[in-house]
């Protein structure tokens, strides 16, 4: 039976509302601090990257935590969304001058392109399991990064021109424009991303992922994670649901790439390397596999930590690494889990719960009068309290 609280809300609905409330409260607090001039320039510069990493962590948790497959190429899908959308924005910033029109179209292009690549990669990759899947997704991310490193794209009145050699090989006319310049990336990107847009995209990501988890498809995906053979035996199309989760995760990663790319005027491929994929995976693992709210909190804390430790310039990354190891042990060690359950049986939220009121003392009645003759036979009550089913009595009644 599903747990219901005092307000009549299911536990899953209550947890979802708490997650949204935390995100909204954090947004309002940041806006108040920013309006009061209490946020430094460096902290304000981290707001959009934090939004980006939250979206990436939630989307990767859909594959790693909910589907139960290890993917190490999430930065590759992010780069596809980033580059495809910035090509569109750079080419149309003169014809579509309104950012409120151009940016949603860029989001759509980035999500669709990343989703298409997720579909094409997912068809062969999702037939693999365990380490093989991780190796293939890792290779995909590195291949995409290296392709963008040597990719040259330009356009003129005849259309787009692509080369893997240099700009001279594009064959552009005098009026042509080079968009992607190999390792130099893309320049002149309109900076359309804002913290409010990032906040809205976080809410949309949470809405999509949480609704998927609690839907019939989400239950099918989790059943595949728990027992693939049992899921197949009851008629669940394993390939279909695994591909669904993988494509949705890739498309959301593409959206994160669009948000990230439009925060800077220049975009280079080296940002989307293996280290970025591992960083996103760290957010998911420390936040808890399958724990969406944990992914959000971990992404915020681990993105802010290097900035908060900036005063310790010589030891900043050492302290950051030690904290990561400590958090990993605290989160995953069986001994620490047992200690947490002993000290906080209801979690941190249990500290803020209202304790039940003490029960009033029950007044004791007069002591029963003992029977004069214990051996005296007592008459059977008219209504018996014996709960033994009929036919199971050990003695026959006279």
Protein backbone atom coordinates (compact mmCIF):
# COMPACT_ATOMS: atom_id res chain seq x y z
CA UNK A 1 0.00 0.00 0.00
CA UNK A 2 1.33 3.47 -0.85
CA UNK A 3 2.18 5.63 2.15
CA UNK A 4 -0.06 8.64 2.74
CA UNK A 5 0.72 11.52 5.08
CA UNK A 6 -1.66 13.56 7.21
CA UNK A 7 -2.64 15.80 4.30
CA UNK A 8 -3.64 12.79 2.22
CA UNK A 9 -0.64 13.09 -0.13
CA UNK A 10 1.20 10.06 -1.40
CA UNK A 11 4.84 9.83 -0.38
CA UNK A 12 6.02 10.20 -3.99
CA UNK A 13 3.92 13.34 -4.54
CA UNK A 14 5.10 14.84 -1.27
CA UNK A 15 8.74 14.15 -2.19
CA UNK A 16 8.22 15.77 -5.61
CA UNK A 17 6.67 18.87 -4.05
CA UNK A 18 9.58 19.15 -1.62
CA UNK A 19 12.07 18.97 -4.52
CA UNK A 20 10.29 21.72 -6.45
CA UNK A 21 9.96 23.81 -3.29
CA UNK A 22 13.72 23.59 -2.65
CA UNK A 23 14.53 24.69 -6.21
CA UNK A 24 12.05 27.59 -6.13
CA UNK A 25 13.23 28.72 -2.69
CA UNK A 26 16.87 28.64 -3.84
CA UNK A 27 15.99 30.73 -6.91
CA UNK A 28 14.18 33.34 -4.80
CA UNK A 29 17.05 33.53 -2.29
CA UNK A 30 19.59 34.06 -5.08
CA UNK A 31 17.44 36.77 -6.65
CA UNK A 32 17.13 38.56 -3.30
CA UNK A 33 20.87 38.36 -2.68
CA UNK A 34 21.63 39.53 -6.21
CA UNK A 35 19.24 42.48 -5.93
CA UNK A 36 20.88 43.48 -2.66
CA UNK A 37 24.36 43.36 -4.19
CA UNK A 38 25.44 40.55 -1.86
CA UNK A 39 26.68 38.23 -4.62
CA UNK A 40 30.19 38.70 -5.98
CA UNK A 41 30.84 38.75 -9.71
CA UNK A 42 32.45 35.32 -9.56
CA UNK A 43 29.42 33.86 -7.77
CA UNK A 44 27.06 35.44 -10.29
CA UNK A 45 29.16 33.93 -13.06
CA UNK A 46 28.55 30.47 -11.58
CA UNK A 47 24.75 30.70 -11.63
CA UNK A 48 24.24 29.50 -15.21
CA UNK A 49 26.92 26.75 -14.96
CA UNK A 50 25.17 25.52 -11.79
CA UNK A 51 21.86 25.37 -13.68
CA UNK A 52 23.63 23.51 -16.48
CA UNK A 53 25.15 20.93 -14.15
CA UNK A 54 21.84 20.37 -12.36
CA UNK A 55 20.16 19.57 -15.68
CA UNK A 56 23.04 17.29 -16.68
CA UNK A 57 23.04 15.45 -13.34
CA UNK A 58 19.28 14.86 -13.39
CA UNK A 59 19.37 13.65 -17.00
CA UNK A 60 22.30 11.28 -16.36
CA UNK A 61 20.57 9.91 -13.26
CA UNK A 62 17.79 8.76 -15.57
CA UNK A 63 20.26 6.39 -17.27
CA UNK A 64 22.60 5.50 -14.41
CA UNK A 65 20.19 5.51 -11.48
CA UNK A 66 16.78 4.68 -12.96
CA UNK A 67 17.78 2.51 -15.93
CA UNK A 68 20.85 1.08 -14.19
CA UNK A 69 23.30 1.46 -17.09
CA UNK A 70 26.68 3.19 -16.78
CA UNK A 71 27.21 5.94 -19.37
CA UNK A 72 30.50 7.84 -19.59
CA UNK A 73 29.77 9.92 -22.68
CA UNK A 74 27.23 12.43 -21.40
CA UNK A 75 29.47 15.36 -22.30
CA UNK A 76 29.27 14.20 -25.93
CA UNK A 77 25.51 14.77 -26.07
CA UNK A 78 26.01 18.09 -24.31
CA UNK A 79 28.50 19.15 -27.00
CA UNK A 80 26.12 18.17 -29.81
CA UNK A 81 23.40 20.37 -28.35
CA UNK A 82 25.88 23.19 -27.76
CA UNK A 83 27.45 23.26 -31.23
CA UNK A 84 24.28 22.64 -33.24
CA UNK A 85 22.41 25.41 -31.41
CA UNK A 86 25.24 27.93 -31.60
CA UNK A 87 25.59 27.38 -35.35
CA UNK A 88 21.91 28.28 -35.64
CA UNK A 89 22.21 31.31 -33.35
CA UNK A 90 25.31 32.71 -35.05
CA UNK A 91 23.80 32.30 -38.51
CA UNK A 92 20.43 33.83 -37.59
CA UNK A 93 21.32 36.57 -35.10
CA UNK A 94 20.93 39.20 -37.83
CA UNK A 95 17.64 37.86 -39.20
CA UNK A 96 16.15 36.87 -35.80
CA UNK A 97 17.16 39.71 -33.51
CA UNK A 98 14.81 38.84 -30.65
CA UNK A 99 16.49 36.53 -28.13
CA UNK A 100 13.04 35.43 -26.90
CA UNK A 101 12.44 33.89 -30.33
CA UNK A 102 15.97 32.79 -31.22
CA UNK A 103 16.84 31.04 -27.94
CA UNK A 104 13.77 28.75 -27.77
CA UNK A 105 14.46 27.70 -31.36
CA UNK A 106 18.09 27.03 -30.43
CA UNK A 107 16.89 24.92 -27.49
CA UNK A 108 14.66 22.91 -29.78
CA UNK A 109 17.46 22.33 -32.30
CA UNK A 110 19.94 21.33 -29.59
CA UNK A 111 17.50 18.90 -27.96
CA UNK A 112 16.47 17.32 -31.27
CA UNK A 113 20.02 16.89 -32.54
CA UNK A 114 21.23 15.38 -29.26
CA UNK A 115 18.17 13.12 -29.17
CA UNK A 116 18.85 11.92 -32.73
CA UNK A 117 22.44 11.06 -31.84
CA UNK A 118 21.20 9.37 -28.68
CA UNK A 119 18.86 7.25 -30.79
CA UNK A 120 21.55 6.33 -33.32
CA UNK A 121 24.08 5.49 -30.62
CA UNK A 122 21.54 3.78 -28.38
CA UNK A 123 20.36 1.19 -30.91
CA UNK A 124 23.65 -0.75 -30.97
CA UNK A 125 25.05 0.38 -27.61
CA UNK A 126 22.12 -0.61 -25.40
CA UNK A 127 22.48 -4.23 -26.49
CA UNK A 128 25.72 -4.22 -24.50
CA UNK A 129 25.92 -4.46 -20.73
CA UNK A 130 28.18 -3.42 -17.88
CA UNK A 131 31.73 -2.36 -18.72
CA UNK A 132 31.20 -2.69 -22.48
CA UNK A 133 28.45 -0.05 -22.44
CA UNK A 134 30.63 2.30 -20.38
CA UNK A 135 33.58 1.86 -22.77
CA UNK A 136 31.49 2.50 -25.88
CA UNK A 137 29.84 5.64 -24.47
CA UNK A 138 33.25 6.90 -23.34
CA UNK A 139 34.61 6.36 -26.85
CA UNK A 140 31.61 8.18 -28.33
CA UNK A 141 32.23 11.24 -26.16
CA UNK A 142 35.89 11.38 -27.13
CA UNK A 143 35.14 10.89 -30.84
CA UNK A 144 32.62 13.74 -30.83
CA UNK A 145 35.10 16.04 -29.08
CA UNK A 146 37.88 15.25 -31.56
CA UNK A 147 35.56 15.71 -34.54
CA UNK A 148 34.60 19.20 -33.34
CA UNK A 149 38.30 19.94 -32.80
CA UNK A 150 39.05 19.48 -36.52
CA UNK A 151 35.68 20.61 -37.90
CA UNK A 152 35.44 23.73 -40.08
CA UNK A 153 32.01 25.01 -41.07
CA UNK A 154 31.14 28.09 -43.09
CA UNK A 155 28.29 29.45 -45.16
CA UNK A 156 27.75 31.80 -48.07
CA UNK A 157 25.00 32.50 -50.59
CA UNK A 158 25.29 28.94 -51.93
CA UNK A 159 24.77 27.26 -48.55
CA UNK A 160 26.89 25.55 -45.90
CA UNK A 161 30.40 24.22 -46.48
CA UNK A 162 32.11 21.64 -44.27
CA UNK A 163 35.76 20.59 -44.08
CA UNK A 164 37.99 18.59 -41.76
CA UNK A 165 41.18 20.26 -43.03
CA UNK A 166 41.21 24.07 -42.77
CA UNK A 167 39.21 27.19 -43.67
CA UNK A 168 40.80 27.45 -47.12
CA UNK A 169 39.39 24.04 -47.97
CA UNK A 170 35.83 25.31 -47.38
CA UNK A 171 35.76 27.10 -50.76
CA UNK A 172 33.70 30.04 -49.50
CA UNK A 173 32.97 33.08 -51.63
CA UNK A 174 34.21 36.53 -50.58
CA UNK A 175 30.96 37.20 -48.72
CA UNK A 176 31.12 33.87 -46.89
CA UNK A 177 31.43 33.51 -43.11
CA UNK A 178 33.32 30.86 -41.16
CA UNK A 179 31.26 29.64 -38.20
CA UNK A 180 33.36 26.82 -36.71
CA UNK A 181 37.14 27.26 -36.86
CA UNK A 182 38.45 23.89 -35.76
CA UNK A 183 40.17 23.97 -32.37
CA UNK A 184 39.35 27.69 -32.07
CA UNK A 185 35.68 26.77 -31.94
CA UNK A 186 32.83 29.22 -32.52
CA UNK A 187 33.06 32.94 -31.80
CA UNK A 188 30.48 35.71 -31.77
CA UNK A 189 27.81 33.66 -29.99
CA UNK A 190 24.86 35.76 -28.74
CA UNK A 191 24.78 35.51 -24.95
CA UNK A 192 21.09 34.72 -24.60
CA UNK A 193 21.30 32.53 -21.48
CA UNK A 194 20.07 33.99 -18.19
CA UNK A 195 19.71 32.61 -14.68
CA UNK A 196 15.93 32.82 -14.94
CA UNK A 197 15.95 30.77 -18.15
CA UNK A 198 18.20 28.25 -16.42
CA UNK A 199 15.75 28.06 -13.51
CA UNK A 200 12.84 27.45 -15.88
CA UNK A 201 14.78 24.72 -17.69
CA UNK A 202 15.56 23.04 -14.35
CA UNK A 203 11.86 22.96 -13.50
CA UNK A 204 11.00 21.53 -16.93
CA UNK A 205 13.73 18.89 -16.59
CA UNK A 206 12.48 17.86 -13.14
CA UNK A 207 8.91 17.76 -14.42
CA UNK A 208 9.83 15.51 -17.37
CA UNK A 209 12.10 13.14 -15.45
CA UNK A 210 9.95 12.79 -12.32
CA UNK A 211 6.77 12.27 -14.35
CA UNK A 212 8.57 9.63 -16.41
CA UNK A 213 9.77 7.84 -13.26
CA UNK A 214 6.27 7.66 -11.77
CA UNK A 215 4.60 6.71 -15.05
CA UNK A 216 3.95 3.24 -16.40
CA UNK A 217 7.01 3.57 -18.64
CA UNK A 218 9.13 4.54 -15.64
CA UNK A 219 8.03 1.48 -13.71
CA UNK A 220 8.91 -0.65 -16.73
CA UNK A 221 12.37 0.96 -16.90
CA UNK A 222 12.99 0.30 -13.20
CA UNK A 223 11.81 -3.29 -13.54
CA UNK A 224 14.43 -3.76 -16.29
CA UNK A 225 17.05 -2.36 -13.93
CA UNK A 226 16.01 -4.68 -11.09
CA UNK A 227 15.60 -7.88 -13.10
CA UNK A 228 15.90 -7.88 -16.87
CA UNK A 229 14.88 -11.54 -17.27
CA UNK A 230 11.77 -11.12 -15.13
CA UNK A 231 10.83 -7.97 -17.07
CA UNK A 232 11.13 -9.82 -20.38
CA UNK A 233 9.08 -12.73 -19.02
CA UNK A 234 6.08 -10.47 -18.34
CA UNK A 235 6.18 -8.99 -21.85
CA UNK A 236 8.13 -5.75 -21.30
CA UNK A 237 9.96 -4.62 -24.44
CA UNK A 238 13.42 -4.16 -22.93
CA UNK A 239 15.03 -2.52 -25.97
CA UNK A 240 12.17 -0.04 -26.36
CA UNK A 241 12.24 1.22 -22.77
CA UNK A 242 16.02 1.31 -22.51
CA UNK A 243 16.17 3.31 -25.74
CA UNK A 244 13.43 5.64 -24.46
CA UNK A 245 15.38 6.47 -21.30
CA UNK A 246 18.64 6.88 -23.22
CA UNK A 247 17.17 9.22 -25.86
CA UNK A 248 15.34 11.39 -23.31
CA UNK A 249 18.54 11.66 -21.25
CA UNK A 250 20.55 12.62 -24.35
CA UNK A 251 18.00 15.24 -25.42
CA UNK A 252 18.01 16.86 -21.97
CA UNK A 253 21.82 16.87 -22.02
CA UNK A 254 21.57 18.70 -25.35
CA UNK A 255 19.35 21.32 -23.69
CA UNK A 256 22.00 21.76 -20.99
CA UNK A 257 24.59 22.24 -23.72
CA UNK A 258 22.49 24.99 -25.32
CA UNK A 259 22.15 26.80 -21.99
CA UNK A 260 25.87 26.50 -21.32
CA UNK A 261 27.01 27.56 -24.81
CA UNK A 262 24.87 30.70 -24.90
CA UNK A 263 26.44 31.92 -21.68
CA UNK A 264 29.74 32.62 -23.44
CA UNK A 265 30.75 34.42 -26.61
CA UNK A 266 33.22 31.66 -27.55
CA UNK A 267 32.76 27.89 -27.52
CA UNK A 268 35.57 25.33 -27.88
CA UNK A 269 35.39 21.54 -28.00
CA UNK A 270 37.94 20.87 -25.25
CA UNK A 271 35.35 21.76 -22.60
CA UNK A 272 33.36 18.62 -23.46
CA UNK A 273 36.00 16.06 -22.62
CA UNK A 274 36.19 12.94 -20.48
CA UNK A 275 36.63 14.98 -17.28
CA UNK A 276 33.27 16.68 -17.78
CA UNK A 277 31.50 13.33 -18.16
CA UNK A 278 33.18 12.05 -14.99
CA UNK A 279 32.23 15.21 -13.11
CA UNK A 280 28.57 14.74 -14.04
CA UNK A 281 28.78 11.10 -12.93
CA UNK A 282 30.25 12.24 -9.59
CA UNK A 283 27.20 14.46 -9.06
CA UNK A 284 24.92 11.49 -9.63
CA UNK A 285 26.84 9.06 -7.42
CA UNK A 286 27.26 11.46 -4.50
CA UNK A 287 23.65 12.58 -4.74
CA UNK A 288 22.47 8.98 -4.75
CA UNK A 289 21.65 6.69 -7.66
CA UNK A 290 18.00 7.21 -8.54
CA UNK A 291 17.72 10.16 -6.14
CA UNK A 292 16.71 13.17 -8.24
CA UNK A 293 16.75 15.64 -5.36
CA UNK A 294 20.19 14.38 -4.34
CA UNK A 295 21.53 15.04 -7.85
CA UNK A 296 20.32 18.64 -7.64
CA UNK A 297 21.93 19.24 -4.26
CA UNK A 298 25.21 17.51 -5.19
CA UNK A 299 25.53 19.54 -8.40
CA UNK A 300 25.09 22.81 -6.50
CA UNK A 301 27.49 21.96 -3.66
CA UNK A 302 30.26 20.49 -5.81
CA UNK A 303 30.11 23.40 -8.27
CA UNK A 304 30.31 25.97 -5.48
CA UNK A 305 33.07 24.22 -3.50
CA UNK A 306 36.03 25.21 -5.75
CA UNK A 307 34.87 28.83 -5.66
CA UNK A 308 34.40 28.80 -1.88
CA UNK A 309 37.90 27.36 -1.48
CA UNK A 310 39.49 29.92 -3.80
CA UNK A 311 41.14 31.67 -0.84
CA UNK A 312 43.28 28.55 -0.28
CA UNK A 313 44.92 28.79 -3.68
CA UNK A 314 47.72 26.30 -3.02
CA UNK A 315 45.54 23.66 -1.38
CA UNK A 316 42.20 24.31 -3.04
CA UNK A 317 42.04 21.25 -5.30
CA UNK A 318 43.61 19.02 -2.63
CA UNK A 319 40.88 19.95 -0.14
CA UNK A 320 38.28 19.54 -2.86
CA UNK A 321 39.52 16.01 -3.63
CA UNK A 322 39.60 15.06 0.07
CA UNK A 323 36.04 16.32 0.52
CA UNK A 324 34.93 14.27 -2.48
CA UNK A 325 36.47 11.12 -1.01
CA UNK A 326 34.92 11.83 2.40
CA UNK A 327 31.49 12.40 0.87
CA UNK A 328 31.80 9.20 -1.14
CA UNK A 329 32.68 7.19 1.98
CA UNK A 330 29.88 8.83 3.96
CA UNK A 331 27.38 8.07 1.21
CA UNK A 332 28.41 4.54 0.22
CA UNK A 333 30.23 2.88 3.14
CA UNK A 334 28.04 0.21 4.83
CA UNK A 335 29.36 1.25 8.26
CA UNK A 336 28.49 4.90 7.66
CA UNK A 337 25.07 3.97 6.30
CA UNK A 338 24.39 1.93 9.46
CA UNK A 339 25.56 4.85 11.63
CA UNK A 340 23.32 7.29 9.75
CA UNK A 341 20.32 5.01 10.14
CA UNK A 342 21.03 4.73 13.87
CA UNK A 343 21.48 8.46 14.48
CA UNK A 344 18.90 9.68 11.95
CA UNK A 345 16.35 6.89 11.43
CA UNK A 346 14.02 9.29 9.61
CA UNK A 347 16.75 11.23 7.79
CA UNK A 348 17.55 14.91 8.26
CA UNK A 349 13.89 15.76 7.68
CA UNK A 350 13.05 13.77 10.81
CA UNK A 351 14.80 16.43 12.93
CA UNK A 352 12.15 18.95 11.91
CA UNK A 353 9.12 16.75 12.41
CA UNK A 354 6.77 17.56 15.23
CA UNK A 355 6.99 14.98 17.98
CA UNK A 356 3.70 13.30 18.86
CA UNK A 357 2.00 14.60 21.99
CA UNK A 358 2.40 12.36 25.05
CA UNK A 359 -0.54 10.06 25.68
CA UNK A 360 -2.59 10.91 28.80
CA UNK A 361 -2.25 8.49 31.68
CA UNK A 362 -5.08 5.97 31.92
CA UNK A 363 -6.75 5.95 35.33
CA UNK A 364 -6.50 2.59 37.02
CA UNK A 365 -9.80 0.96 37.98
CA UNK A 366 -10.52 -1.05 41.11
CA UNK A 367 -8.64 -4.29 41.47
CA UNK A 368 -10.66 -7.35 40.38
CA UNK A 369 -12.11 -9.44 43.17
CA UNK A 370 -10.47 -12.86 43.14
CA UNK A 371 -12.74 -15.87 42.73
CA UNK A 372 -13.47 -17.70 45.94
CA UNK A 373 -12.83 -21.08 44.37
CA UNK A 374 -10.27 -21.13 41.52
CA UNK A 375 -11.40 -24.56 40.53
CA UNK A 376 -14.97 -23.38 40.05
CA UNK A 377 -16.04 -23.74 36.47
CA UNK A 378 -16.63 -20.40 34.76
CA UNK A 379 -19.49 -20.12 32.30
CA UNK A 380 -18.60 -19.47 28.66
CA UNK A 381 -19.21 -15.91 27.48
CA UNK A 382 -22.05 -15.34 25.08
CA UNK A 383 -19.69 -13.62 22.57
CA UNK A 384 -16.37 -15.44 22.30
CA UNK A 385 -13.10 -13.54 21.78
CA UNK A 386 -11.34 -16.67 20.60
CA UNK A 387 -9.80 -15.82 17.17
CA UNK A 388 -8.94 -19.44 16.31
CA UNK A 389 -10.53 -20.38 12.95
CA UNK A 390 -13.30 -22.97 13.00
CA UNK A 391 -12.05 -26.50 12.73
CA UNK A 392 -8.59 -25.67 14.20
CA UNK A 393 -9.45 -26.13 17.91
CA UNK A 394 -7.07 -28.40 19.71
CA UNK A 395 -9.77 -29.72 22.04
CA UNK A 396 -13.28 -30.83 21.23
CA UNK A 397 -16.04 -29.04 23.04
CA UNK A 398 -18.36 -31.16 25.17
